[in-house]
Amino acid sequence: AGKTTLVRALNRAVSASSGEILLDGRRIGEYSRR
C-alpha cells in the first residue's frame, strides 16, 4: 500500500517526486542528514 515508502519519505530516505514535506515549517530537503 506504500506504508514503508511513506515512512522513508518522512526522513528523506527516499525523495518525493512532487509535493513537499515540511519539518517545523521548513522543507525537509533543506536540512542536512545530520
PDB file of all heavy atoms in Angstrom:
ATOM      1  N   ALA A   1       0.812  -1.219   0.000  1.00  0.00           N
ATOM      2  CA  ALA A   1       0.000   0.000   0.000  1.00  0.00           C
ATOM      3  C   ALA A   1       0.843   1.267   0.000  1.00  0.00           C
ATOM      4  O   ALA A   1       0.325   2.351  -0.270  1.00  0.00           O
ATOM      5  CB  ALA A   1      -0.945   0.010   1.199  1.00  0.00           C
ATOM      6  N   GLY A   2       2.145   1.145   0.347  1.00  0.00           N
ATOM      7  CA  GLY A   2       3.022   2.309   0.358  1.00  0.00           C
ATOM      8  C   GLY A   2       3.403   2.787   1.743  1.00  0.00           C
ATOM      9  O   GLY A   2       3.990   3.866   1.896  1.00  0.00           O
ATOM     10  N   LYS A   3       3.136   1.985   2.774  1.00  0.00           N
ATOM     11  CA  LYS A   3       3.380   2.415   4.153  1.00  0.00           C
ATOM     12  C   LYS A   3       4.868   2.676   4.407  1.00  0.00           C
ATOM     13  O   LYS A   3       5.245   3.732   4.922  1.00  0.00           O
ATOM     14  CB  LYS A   3       2.856   1.354   5.127  1.00  0.00           C
ATOM     15  CG  LYS A   3       1.372   1.040   4.989  1.00  0.00           C
ATOM     16  CD  LYS A   3       0.910   0.049   6.027  1.00  0.00           C
ATOM     17  CE  LYS A   3       1.582  -1.305   5.928  1.00  0.00           C
ATOM     18  NZ  LYS A   3       1.286  -2.006   4.648  1.00  0.00           N
ATOM     19  N   THR A   4       5.707   1.698   4.075  1.00  0.00           N
ATOM     20  CA  THR A   4       7.144   1.856   4.321  1.00  0.00           C
ATOM     21  C   THR A   4       7.725   2.982   3.483  1.00  0.00           C
ATOM     22  O   THR A   4       8.573   3.752   3.958  1.00  0.00           O
ATOM     23  CB  THR A   4       7.880   0.538   4.038  1.00  0.00           C
ATOM     24  OG1 THR A   4       7.435  -0.458   4.975  1.00  0.00           O
ATOM     25  CG2 THR A   4       9.392   0.700   4.180  1.00  0.00           C
ATOM     26  N   THR A   5       7.269   3.118   2.255  1.00  0.00           N
ATOM     27  CA  THR A   5       7.752   4.211   1.413  1.00  0.00           C
ATOM     28  C   THR A   5       7.400   5.564   2.015  1.00  0.00           C
ATOM     29  O   THR A   5       8.219   6.493   2.014  1.00  0.00           O
ATOM     30  CB  THR A   5       7.156   4.102  -0.004  1.00  0.00           C
ATOM     31  OG1 THR A   5       7.588   2.867  -0.596  1.00  0.00           O
ATOM     32  CG2 THR A   5       7.602   5.260  -0.888  1.00  0.00           C
ATOM     33  N   LEU A   6       6.205   5.686   2.561  1.00  0.00           N
ATOM     34  CA  LEU A   6       5.809   6.943   3.188  1.00  0.00           C
ATOM     35  C   LEU A   6       6.702   7.255   4.392  1.00  0.00           C
ATOM     36  O   LEU A   6       7.194   8.388   4.538  1.00  0.00           O
ATOM     37  CB  LEU A   6       4.348   6.886   3.624  1.00  0.00           C
ATOM     38  CG  LEU A   6       3.817   8.117   4.383  1.00  0.00           C
ATOM     39  CD1 LEU A   6       4.055   9.405   3.598  1.00  0.00           C
ATOM     40  CD2 LEU A   6       2.335   7.955   4.708  1.00  0.00           C
ATOM     41  N   VAL A   7       6.942   6.271   5.240  1.00  0.00           N
ATOM     42  CA  VAL A   7       7.807   6.490   6.399  1.00  0.00           C
ATOM     43  C   VAL A   7       9.215   6.877   5.954  1.00  0.00           C
ATOM     44  O   VAL A   7       9.852   7.762   6.529  1.00  0.00           O
ATOM     45  CB  VAL A   7       7.823   5.236   7.296  1.00  0.00           C
ATOM     46  CG1 VAL A   7       8.994   5.259   8.264  1.00  0.00           C
ATOM     47  CG2 VAL A   7       6.517   5.137   8.080  1.00  0.00           C
ATOM     48  N   ARG A   8       9.714   6.236   4.898  1.00  0.00           N
ATOM     49  CA  ARG A   8      11.061   6.561   4.408  1.00  0.00           C
ATOM     50  C   ARG A   8      11.098   7.962   3.804  1.00  0.00           C
ATOM     51  O   ARG A   8      12.113   8.654   3.896  1.00  0.00           O
ATOM     52  CB  ARG A   8      11.525   5.524   3.400  1.00  0.00           C
ATOM     53  CG  ARG A   8      11.683   4.114   3.979  1.00  0.00           C
ATOM     54  CD  ARG A   8      12.278   3.158   2.969  1.00  0.00           C
ATOM     55  NE  ARG A   8      13.667   3.506   2.705  1.00  0.00           N
ATOM     56  CZ  ARG A   8      14.297   3.201   1.585  1.00  0.00           C
ATOM     57  NH1 ARG A   8      13.660   2.586   0.604  1.00  0.00           N
ATOM     58  NH2 ARG A   8      15.571   3.533   1.429  1.00  0.00           N
ATOM     59  N   ALA A   9      10.004   8.387   3.225  1.00  0.00           N
ATOM     60  CA  ALA A   9       9.950   9.760   2.696  1.00  0.00           C
ATOM     61  C   ALA A   9       9.965  10.785   3.816  1.00  0.00           C
ATOM     62  O   ALA A   9      10.496  11.889   3.651  1.00  0.00           O
ATOM     63  CB  ALA A   9       8.706   9.937   1.824  1.00  0.00           C
ATOM     64  N   LEU A  10       9.407  10.423   4.969  1.00  0.00           N
ATOM     65  CA  LEU A  10       9.309  11.369   6.074  1.00  0.00           C
ATOM     66  C   LEU A  10      10.666  11.753   6.647  1.00  0.00           C
ATOM     67  O   LEU A  10      10.804  12.806   7.264  1.00  0.00           O
ATOM     68  CB  LEU A  10       8.417  10.806   7.181  1.00  0.00           C
ATOM     69  CG  LEU A  10       6.941  10.621   6.834  1.00  0.00           C
ATOM     70  CD1 LEU A  10       6.175  10.062   8.029  1.00  0.00           C
ATOM     71  CD2 LEU A  10       6.310  11.917   6.363  1.00  0.00           C
ATOM     72  N   ASN A  11      11.682  10.889   6.475  1.00  0.00           N
ATOM     73  CA  ASN A  11      13.016  11.264   6.951  1.00  0.00           C
ATOM     74  C   ASN A  11      14.002  11.408   5.787  1.00  0.00           C
ATOM     75  O   ASN A  11      15.209  11.356   5.973  1.00  0.00           O
ATOM     76  CB  ASN A  11      13.545  10.271   7.992  1.00  0.00           C
ATOM     77  CG  ASN A  11      14.045   8.982   7.377  1.00  0.00           C
ATOM     78  OD1 ASN A  11      13.487   8.503   6.392  1.00  0.00           O
ATOM     79  ND2 ASN A  11      15.094   8.414   7.947  1.00  0.00           N
ATOM     80  N   ARG A  12      13.442  11.587   4.599  1.00  0.00           N
ATOM     81  CA  ARG A  12      14.204  11.849   3.381  1.00  0.00           C
ATOM     82  C   ARG A  12      15.094  10.686   2.957  1.00  0.00           C
ATOM     83  O   ARG A  12      16.073  10.863   2.230  1.00  0.00           O
ATOM     84  CB  ARG A  12      15.044  13.123   3.503  1.00  0.00           C
ATOM     85  CG  ARG A  12      15.074  13.934   2.218  1.00  0.00           C
ATOM     86  CD  ARG A  12      15.983  15.136   2.338  1.00  0.00           C
ATOM     87  NE  ARG A  12      17.391  14.757   2.278  1.00  0.00           N
ATOM     88  CZ  ARG A  12      18.424  15.574   2.508  1.00  0.00           C
ATOM     89  NH1 ARG A  12      18.206  16.829   2.851  1.00  0.00           N
ATOM     90  NH2 ARG A  12      19.668  15.164   2.431  1.00  0.00           N
ATOM     91  N   ALA A  13      14.757   9.461   3.391  1.00  0.00           N
ATOM     92  CA  ALA A  13      15.468   8.288   2.895  1.00  0.00           C
ATOM     93  C   ALA A  13      15.104   8.040   1.438  1.00  0.00           C
ATOM     94  O   ALA A  13      15.898   7.474   0.676  1.00  0.00           O
ATOM     95  CB  ALA A  13      15.128   7.065   3.746  1.00  0.00           C
ATOM     96  N   VAL A  14      13.905   8.447   1.038  1.00  0.00           N
ATOM     97  CA  VAL A  14      13.513   8.496  -0.369  1.00  0.00           C
ATOM     98  C   VAL A  14      12.962   9.894  -0.625  1.00  0.00           C
ATOM     99  O   VAL A  14      12.474  10.555   0.289  1.00  0.00           O
ATOM    100  CB  VAL A  14      12.467   7.419  -0.737  1.00  0.00           C
ATOM    101  CG1 VAL A  14      13.001   6.024  -0.485  1.00  0.00           C
ATOM    102  CG2 VAL A  14      11.167   7.637   0.007  1.00  0.00           C
ATOM    103  N   SER A  15      13.065  10.318  -1.868  1.00  0.00           N
ATOM    104  CA  SER A  15      12.626  11.666  -2.220  1.00  0.00           C
ATOM    105  C   SER A  15      11.250  11.645  -2.865  1.00  0.00           C
ATOM    106  O   SER A  15      10.934  10.738  -3.642  1.00  0.00           O
ATOM    107  CB  SER A  15      13.625  12.314  -3.185  1.00  0.00           C
ATOM    108  OG  SER A  15      14.894  12.441  -2.572  1.00  0.00           O
ATOM    109  N   ALA A  16      10.446  12.630  -2.498  1.00  0.00           N
ATOM    110  CA  ALA A  16       9.144  12.781  -3.145  1.00  0.00           C
ATOM    111  C   ALA A  16       9.340  13.297  -4.563  1.00  0.00           C
ATOM    112  O   ALA A  16      10.183  14.173  -4.810  1.00  0.00           O
ATOM    113  CB  ALA A  16       8.274  13.738  -2.340  1.00  0.00           C
ATOM    114  N   SER A  17       8.568  12.751  -5.494  1.00  0.00           N
ATOM    115  CA  SER A  17       8.642  13.196  -6.882  1.00  0.00           C
ATOM    116  C   SER A  17       7.939  14.522  -7.086  1.00  0.00           C
ATOM    117  O   SER A  17       8.285  15.299  -7.979  1.00  0.00           O
ATOM    118  CB  SER A  17       8.024  12.132  -7.804  1.00  0.00           C
ATOM    119  OG  SER A  17       8.591  10.861  -7.554  1.00  0.00           O
ATOM    120  N   SER A  18       6.946  14.791  -6.254  1.00  0.00           N
ATOM    121  CA  SER A  18       6.248  16.075  -6.274  1.00  0.00           C
ATOM    122  C   SER A  18       5.630  16.300  -4.904  1.00  0.00           C
ATOM    123  O   SER A  18       5.596  15.402  -4.064  1.00  0.00           O
ATOM    124  CB  SER A  18       5.167  16.097  -7.363  1.00  0.00           C
ATOM    125  OG  SER A  18       4.196  15.086  -7.124  1.00  0.00           O
ATOM    126  N   GLY A  19       5.141  17.517  -4.674  1.00  0.00           N
ATOM    127  CA  GLY A  19       4.632  17.881  -3.366  1.00  0.00           C
ATOM    128  C   GLY A  19       5.773  18.281  -2.450  1.00  0.00           C
ATOM    129  O   GLY A  19       6.925  18.440  -2.890  1.00  0.00           O
ATOM    130  N   GLU A  20       5.487  18.426  -1.156  1.00  0.00           N
ATOM    131  CA  GLU A  20       6.527  18.854  -0.232  1.00  0.00           C
ATOM    132  C   GLU A  20       6.309  18.270   1.153  1.00  0.00           C
ATOM    133  O   GLU A  20       5.181  17.959   1.545  1.00  0.00           O
ATOM    134  CB  GLU A  20       6.595  20.380  -0.151  1.00  0.00           C
ATOM    135  CG  GLU A  20       5.328  21.036   0.380  1.00  0.00           C
ATOM    136  CD  GLU A  20       5.455  22.559   0.437  1.00  0.00           C
ATOM    137  OE1 GLU A  20       6.493  23.095   0.007  1.00  0.00           O
ATOM    138  OE2 GLU A  20       4.504  23.201   0.927  1.00  0.00           O
ATOM    139  N   ILE A  21       7.417  18.124   1.867  1.00  0.00           N
ATOM    140  CA  ILE A  21       7.405  17.692   3.257  1.00  0.00           C
ATOM    141  C   ILE A  21       8.108  18.767   4.069  1.00  0.00           C
ATOM    142  O   ILE A  21       9.236  19.169   3.750  1.00  0.00           O
ATOM    143  CB  ILE A  21       8.116  16.336   3.431  1.00  0.00           C
ATOM    144  CG1 ILE A  21       7.396  15.256   2.611  1.00  0.00           C
ATOM    145  CG2 ILE A  21       8.160  15.937   4.909  1.00  0.00           C
ATOM    146  CD1 ILE A  21       8.100  13.911   2.615  1.00  0.00           C
ATOM    147  N   LEU A  22       7.428  19.245   5.114  1.00  0.00           N
ATOM    148  CA  LEU A  22       7.956  20.318   5.933  1.00  0.00           C
ATOM    149  C   LEU A  22       8.219  19.808   7.350  1.00  0.00           C
ATOM    150  O   LEU A  22       7.370  19.134   7.944  1.00  0.00           O
ATOM    151  CB  LEU A  22       6.969  21.486   6.010  1.00  0.00           C
ATOM    152  CG  LEU A  22       6.493  22.095   4.684  1.00  0.00           C
ATOM    153  CD1 LEU A  22       5.459  23.184   4.951  1.00  0.00           C
ATOM    154  CD2 LEU A  22       7.661  22.655   3.890  1.00  0.00           C
ATOM    155  N   LEU A  23       9.391  20.111   7.870  1.00  0.00           N
ATOM    156  CA  LEU A  23       9.746  19.812   9.248  1.00  0.00           C
ATOM    157  C   LEU A  23       9.885  21.138   9.976  1.00  0.00           C
ATOM    158  O   LEU A  23      10.750  21.955   9.642  1.00  0.00           O
ATOM    159  CB  LEU A  23      11.061  19.028   9.294  1.00  0.00           C
ATOM    160  CG  LEU A  23      11.624  18.672  10.674  1.00  0.00           C
ATOM    161  CD1 LEU A  23      10.621  17.845  11.467  1.00  0.00           C
ATOM    162  CD2 LEU A  23      12.948  17.937  10.539  1.00  0.00           C
ATOM    163  N   ASP A  24       8.981  21.375  10.919  1.00  0.00           N
ATOM    164  CA  ASP A  24       8.925  22.664  11.624  1.00  0.00           C
ATOM    165  C   ASP A  24       8.851  23.837  10.648  1.00  0.00           C
ATOM    166  O   ASP A  24       9.503  24.873  10.828  1.00  0.00           O
ATOM    167  CB  ASP A  24      10.133  22.825  12.552  1.00  0.00           C
ATOM    168  CG  ASP A  24      10.071  21.884  13.746  1.00  0.00           C
ATOM    169  OD1 ASP A  24       8.958  21.463  14.108  1.00  0.00           O
ATOM    170  OD2 ASP A  24      11.133  21.567  14.311  1.00  0.00           O
ATOM    171  N   GLY A  25       8.035  23.655   9.605  1.00  0.00           N
ATOM    172  CA  GLY A  25       7.785  24.728   8.650  1.00  0.00           C
ATOM    173  C   GLY A  25       8.850  24.916   7.591  1.00  0.00           C
ATOM    174  O   GLY A  25       8.719  25.794   6.724  1.00  0.00           O
ATOM    175  N   ARG A  26       9.877  24.098   7.609  1.00  0.00           N
ATOM    176  CA  ARG A  26      10.987  24.222   6.652  1.00  0.00           C
ATOM    177  C   ARG A  26      11.046  22.969   5.791  1.00  0.00           C
ATOM    178  O   ARG A  26      10.871  21.853   6.297  1.00  0.00           O
ATOM    179  CB  ARG A  26      12.294  24.402   7.433  1.00  0.00           C
ATOM    180  CG  ARG A  26      13.554  24.513   6.614  1.00  0.00           C
ATOM    181  CD  ARG A  26      14.730  24.707   7.572  1.00  0.00           C
ATOM    182  NE  ARG A  26      16.001  24.443   6.951  1.00  0.00           N
ATOM    183  CZ  ARG A  26      17.145  24.219   7.620  1.00  0.00           C
ATOM    184  NH1 ARG A  26      17.130  24.228   8.951  1.00  0.00           N
ATOM    185  NH2 ARG A  26      18.263  23.993   6.985  1.00  0.00           N
ATOM    186  N   ARG A  27      11.271  23.142   4.481  1.00  0.00           N
ATOM    187  CA  ARG A  27      11.337  21.988   3.586  1.00  0.00           C
ATOM    188  C   ARG A  27      12.400  21.012   4.058  1.00  0.00           C
ATOM    189  O   ARG A  27      13.532  21.402   4.370  1.00  0.00           O
ATOM    190  CB  ARG A  27      11.660  22.440   2.157  1.00  0.00           C
ATOM    191  CG  ARG A  27      10.522  23.174   1.461  1.00  0.00           C
ATOM    192  CD  ARG A  27      10.973  23.646   0.086  1.00  0.00           C
ATOM    193  NE  ARG A  27       9.945  24.397  -0.588  1.00  0.00           N
ATOM    194  CZ  ARG A  27       9.038  23.859  -1.403  1.00  0.00           C
ATOM    195  NH1 ARG A  27       9.059  22.551  -1.631  1.00  0.00           N
ATOM    196  NH2 ARG A  27       8.129  24.616  -1.979  1.00  0.00           N
ATOM    197  N   ILE A  28      12.042  19.729   4.076  1.00  0.00           N
ATOM    198  CA  ILE A  28      12.961  18.739   4.628  1.00  0.00           C
ATOM    199  C   ILE A  28      14.233  18.624   3.791  1.00  0.00           C
ATOM    200  O   ILE A  28      15.299  18.291   4.307  1.00  0.00           O
ATOM    201  CB  ILE A  28      12.255  17.371   4.782  1.00  0.00           C
ATOM    202  CG1 ILE A  28      13.030  16.515   5.798  1.00  0.00           C
ATOM    203  CG2 ILE A  28      12.086  16.670   3.437  1.00  0.00           C
ATOM    204  CD1 ILE A  28      12.279  15.313   6.288  1.00  0.00           C
ATOM    205  N   GLY A  29      14.149  18.951   2.508  1.00  0.00           N
ATOM    206  CA  GLY A  29      15.330  18.912   1.655  1.00  0.00           C
ATOM    207  C   GLY A  29      16.359  19.968   2.002  1.00  0.00           C
ATOM    208  O   GLY A  29      17.512  19.883   1.556  1.00  0.00           O
ATOM    209  N   GLU A  30      15.979  20.946   2.807  1.00  0.00           N
ATOM    210  CA  GLU A  30      16.907  22.000   3.211  1.00  0.00           C
ATOM    211  C   GLU A  30      17.727  21.603   4.434  1.00  0.00           C
ATOM    212  O   GLU A  30      18.679  22.299   4.798  1.00  0.00           O
ATOM    213  CB  GLU A  30      16.141  23.290   3.502  1.00  0.00           C
ATOM    214  CG  GLU A  30      15.405  23.852   2.282  1.00  0.00           C
ATOM    215  CD  GLU A  30      14.540  25.048   2.641  1.00  0.00           C
ATOM    216  OE1 GLU A  30      14.562  25.470   3.825  1.00  0.00           O
ATOM    217  OE2 GLU A  30      13.847  25.560   1.743  1.00  0.00           O
ATOM    218  N   TYR A  31      17.366  20.494   5.078  1.00  0.00           N
ATOM    219  CA  TYR A  31      18.106  20.018   6.239  1.00  0.00           C
ATOM    220  C   TYR A  31      19.241  19.096   5.796  1.00  0.00           C
ATOM    221  O   TYR A  31      19.118  18.343   4.813  1.00  0.00           O
ATOM    222  CB  TYR A  31      17.195  19.218   7.169  1.00  0.00           C
ATOM    223  CG  TYR A  31      16.178  20.025   7.946  1.00  0.00           C
ATOM    224  CD1 TYR A  31      14.949  20.365   7.380  1.00  0.00           C
ATOM    225  CD2 TYR A  31      16.429  20.416   9.248  1.00  0.00           C
ATOM    226  CE1 TYR A  31      14.003  21.085   8.103  1.00  0.00           C
ATOM    227  CE2 TYR A  31      15.481  21.132   9.990  1.00  0.00           C
ATOM    228  CZ  TYR A  31      14.281  21.460   9.403  1.00  0.00           C
ATOM    229  OH  TYR A  31      13.350  22.168  10.122  1.00  0.00           O
ATOM    230  N   SER A  32      20.340  19.097   6.542  1.00  0.00           N
ATOM    231  CA  SER A  32      21.400  18.115   6.314  1.00  0.00           C
ATOM    232  C   SER A  32      20.951  16.773   6.874  1.00  0.00           C
ATOM    233  O   SER A  32      20.017  16.699   7.678  1.00  0.00           O
ATOM    234  CB  SER A  32      22.693  18.556   6.994  1.00  0.00           C
ATOM    235  OG  SER A  32      22.549  18.505   8.413  1.00  0.00           O
ATOM    236  N   ARG A  33      21.644  15.702   6.480  1.00  0.00           N
ATOM    237  CA  ARG A  33      21.304  14.383   7.007  1.00  0.00           C
ATOM    238  C   ARG A  33      21.468  14.360   8.534  1.00  0.00           C
ATOM    239  O   ARG A  33      20.667  13.759   9.237  1.00  0.00           O
ATOM    240  CB  ARG A  33      22.225  13.316   6.385  1.00  0.00           C
ATOM    241  CG  ARG A  33      22.051  13.108   4.887  1.00  0.00           C
ATOM    242  CD  ARG A  33      20.646  12.722   4.515  1.00  0.00           C
ATOM    243  NE  ARG A  33      20.103  11.637   5.303  1.00  0.00           N
ATOM    244  CZ  ARG A  33      18.840  11.256   5.284  1.00  0.00           C
ATOM    245  NH1 ARG A  33      17.965  11.908   4.535  1.00  0.00           N
ATOM    246  NH2 ARG A  33      18.423  10.246   6.020  1.00  0.00           N
ATOM    247  N   ARG A  34      22.482  15.019   9.026  1.00  0.00           N
ATOM    248  CA  ARG A  34      22.706  15.057  10.477  1.00  0.00           C
ATOM    249  C   ARG A  34      21.594  15.810  11.183  1.00  0.00           C
ATOM    250  O   ARG A  34      21.113  15.385  12.241  1.00  0.00           O
ATOM    251  CB  ARG A  34      24.057  15.701  10.781  1.00  0.00           C
ATOM    252  CG  ARG A  34      24.461  15.614  12.253  1.00  0.00           C
ATOM    253  CD  ARG A  34      25.772  16.352  12.497  1.00  0.00           C
ATOM    254  NE  ARG A  34      26.202  16.159  13.878  1.00  0.00           N
ATOM    255  CZ  ARG A  34      27.275  15.486  14.255  1.00  0.00           C
ATOM    256  NH1 ARG A  34      28.028  14.914  13.343  1.00  0.00           N
ATOM    257  NH2 ARG A  34      27.602  15.381  15.526  1.00  0.00           N
TER     258      ARG A  34
END
